[in-house]
């Protein structure tokens, strides 16, 4: 096999990625998809584990699409 060719491994990974998206997409849509991120204000839900002190670093507001 020539070392410069993409070969079977390259296409196997591409096919695996496409198959993963194809299998995961119905589950994602069934569970609410984008609605989950809208409900959680585009942050994954988690409990606060520590208290933060005020900082002088300015915060950047995220745009909600």
C-alpha atoms as a PDB file:
ATOM      1  CA  UNK A   1       0.000   0.000   0.000  1.00  0.00           C
ATOM      2  CA  UNK A   2       1.222   3.476  -0.807  1.00  0.00           C
ATOM      3  CA  UNK A   3       1.712   5.711   2.236  1.00  0.00           C
ATOM      4  CA  UNK A   4       0.433   8.812   0.437  1.00  0.00           C
ATOM      5  CA  UNK A   5      -3.014   7.396  -0.404  1.00  0.00           C
ATOM      6  CA  UNK A   6      -6.052   7.889   1.822  1.00  0.00           C
ATOM      7  CA  UNK A   7      -7.089   4.296   1.514  1.00  0.00           C
ATOM      8  CA  UNK A   8      -9.867   2.417   3.215  1.00  0.00           C
ATOM      9  CA  UNK A   9      -9.275   3.831   6.698  1.00  0.00           C
ATOM     10  CA  UNK A  10     -10.040   7.386   5.593  1.00  0.00           C
ATOM     11  CA  UNK A  11     -13.347   6.441   4.017  1.00  0.00           C
ATOM     12  CA  UNK A  12     -14.223   4.149   6.919  1.00  0.00           C
ATOM     13  CA  UNK A  13     -13.940   7.089   9.307  1.00  0.00           C
ATOM     14  CA  UNK A  14     -15.976   9.346   7.025  1.00  0.00           C
ATOM     15  CA  UNK A  15     -18.653   6.673   6.724  1.00  0.00           C
ATOM     16  CA  UNK A  16     -18.649   6.126  10.493  1.00  0.00           C
ATOM     17  CA  UNK A  17     -19.150   9.820  11.108  1.00  0.00           C
ATOM     18  CA  UNK A  18     -22.052   9.994   8.649  1.00  0.00           C
ATOM     19  CA  UNK A  19     -23.637   6.853  10.107  1.00  0.00           C
ATOM     20  CA  UNK A  20     -23.256   8.257  13.652  1.00  0.00           C
ATOM     21  CA  UNK A  21     -25.003  11.484  12.689  1.00  0.00           C
ATOM     22  CA  UNK A  22     -27.731   9.565  10.867  1.00  0.00           C
ATOM     23  CA  UNK A  23     -28.394   7.363  13.923  1.00  0.00           C
ATOM     24  CA  UNK A  24     -28.127  10.155  16.519  1.00  0.00           C
ATOM     25  CA  UNK A  25     -30.215  12.781  14.705  1.00  0.00           C
ATOM     26  CA  UNK A  26     -33.642  11.118  15.274  1.00  0.00           C
ATOM     27  CA  UNK A  27     -32.900  10.698  18.991  1.00  0.00           C
ATOM     28  CA  UNK A  28     -31.739  14.321  19.270  1.00  0.00           C
ATOM     29  CA  UNK A  29     -34.865  15.587  17.545  1.00  0.00           C
ATOM     30  CA  UNK A  30     -37.131  13.302  19.590  1.00  0.00           C
ATOM     31  CA  UNK A  31     -35.661  14.567  22.880  1.00  0.00           C
ATOM     32  CA  UNK A  32     -36.249  18.204  22.017  1.00  0.00           C
ATOM     33  CA  UNK A  33     -33.091  19.077  20.118  1.00  0.00           C
ATOM     34  CA  UNK A  34     -32.571  22.809  20.076  1.00  0.00           C
ATOM     35  CA  UNK A  35     -35.326  23.365  22.621  1.00  0.00           C
ATOM     36  CA  UNK A  36     -33.049  21.894  25.308  1.00  0.00           C
ATOM     37  CA  UNK A  37     -30.433  24.574  24.742  1.00  0.00           C
ATOM     38  CA  UNK A  38     -33.047  27.328  24.606  1.00  0.00           C
ATOM     39  CA  UNK A  39     -34.543  26.148  27.915  1.00  0.00           C
ATOM     40  CA  UNK A  40     -31.102  26.095  29.579  1.00  0.00           C
ATOM     41  CA  UNK A  41     -30.077  29.510  28.176  1.00  0.00           C
ATOM     42  CA  UNK A  42     -27.482  27.834  25.930  1.00  0.00           C
ATOM     43  CA  UNK A  43     -25.560  26.428  28.900  1.00  0.00           C
ATOM     44  CA  UNK A  44     -25.594  22.800  30.045  1.00  0.00           C
ATOM     45  CA  UNK A  45     -27.388  22.488  33.389  1.00  0.00           C
ATOM     46  CA  UNK A  46     -25.163  22.022  36.430  1.00  0.00           C
ATOM     47  CA  UNK A  47     -25.160  22.869  40.087  1.00  0.00           C
ATOM     48  CA  UNK A  48     -22.862  25.582  41.329  1.00  0.00           C
ATOM     49  CA  UNK A  49     -19.995  23.920  43.175  1.00  0.00           C
ATOM     50  CA  UNK A  50     -18.272  27.022  44.483  1.00  0.00           C
ATOM     51  CA  UNK A  51     -18.940  30.673  45.053  1.00  0.00           C
ATOM     52  CA  UNK A  52     -17.208  33.138  42.798  1.00  0.00           C
ATOM     53  CA  UNK A  53     -15.790  36.482  43.748  1.00  0.00           C
ATOM     54  CA  UNK A  54     -16.483  39.597  41.690  1.00  0.00           C
ATOM     55  CA  UNK A  55     -14.063  40.075  38.836  1.00  0.00           C
ATOM     56  CA  UNK A  56     -12.916  43.036  36.788  1.00  0.00           C
ATOM     57  CA  UNK A  57     -12.939  40.984  33.589  1.00  0.00           C
ATOM     58  CA  UNK A  58     -15.820  42.166  31.398  1.00  0.00           C
ATOM     59  CA  UNK A  59     -18.394  39.605  30.325  1.00  0.00           C
ATOM     60  CA  UNK A  60     -19.416  39.145  26.706  1.00  0.00           C
ATOM     61  CA  UNK A  61     -23.094  38.641  26.007  1.00  0.00           C
ATOM     62  CA  UNK A  62     -23.948  35.720  23.748  1.00  0.00           C
ATOM     63  CA  UNK A  63     -26.293  36.222  20.857  1.00  0.00           C
ATOM     64  CA  UNK A  64     -29.360  34.003  20.975  1.00  0.00           C
ATOM     65  CA  UNK A  65     -30.116  32.575  17.569  1.00  0.00           C
END
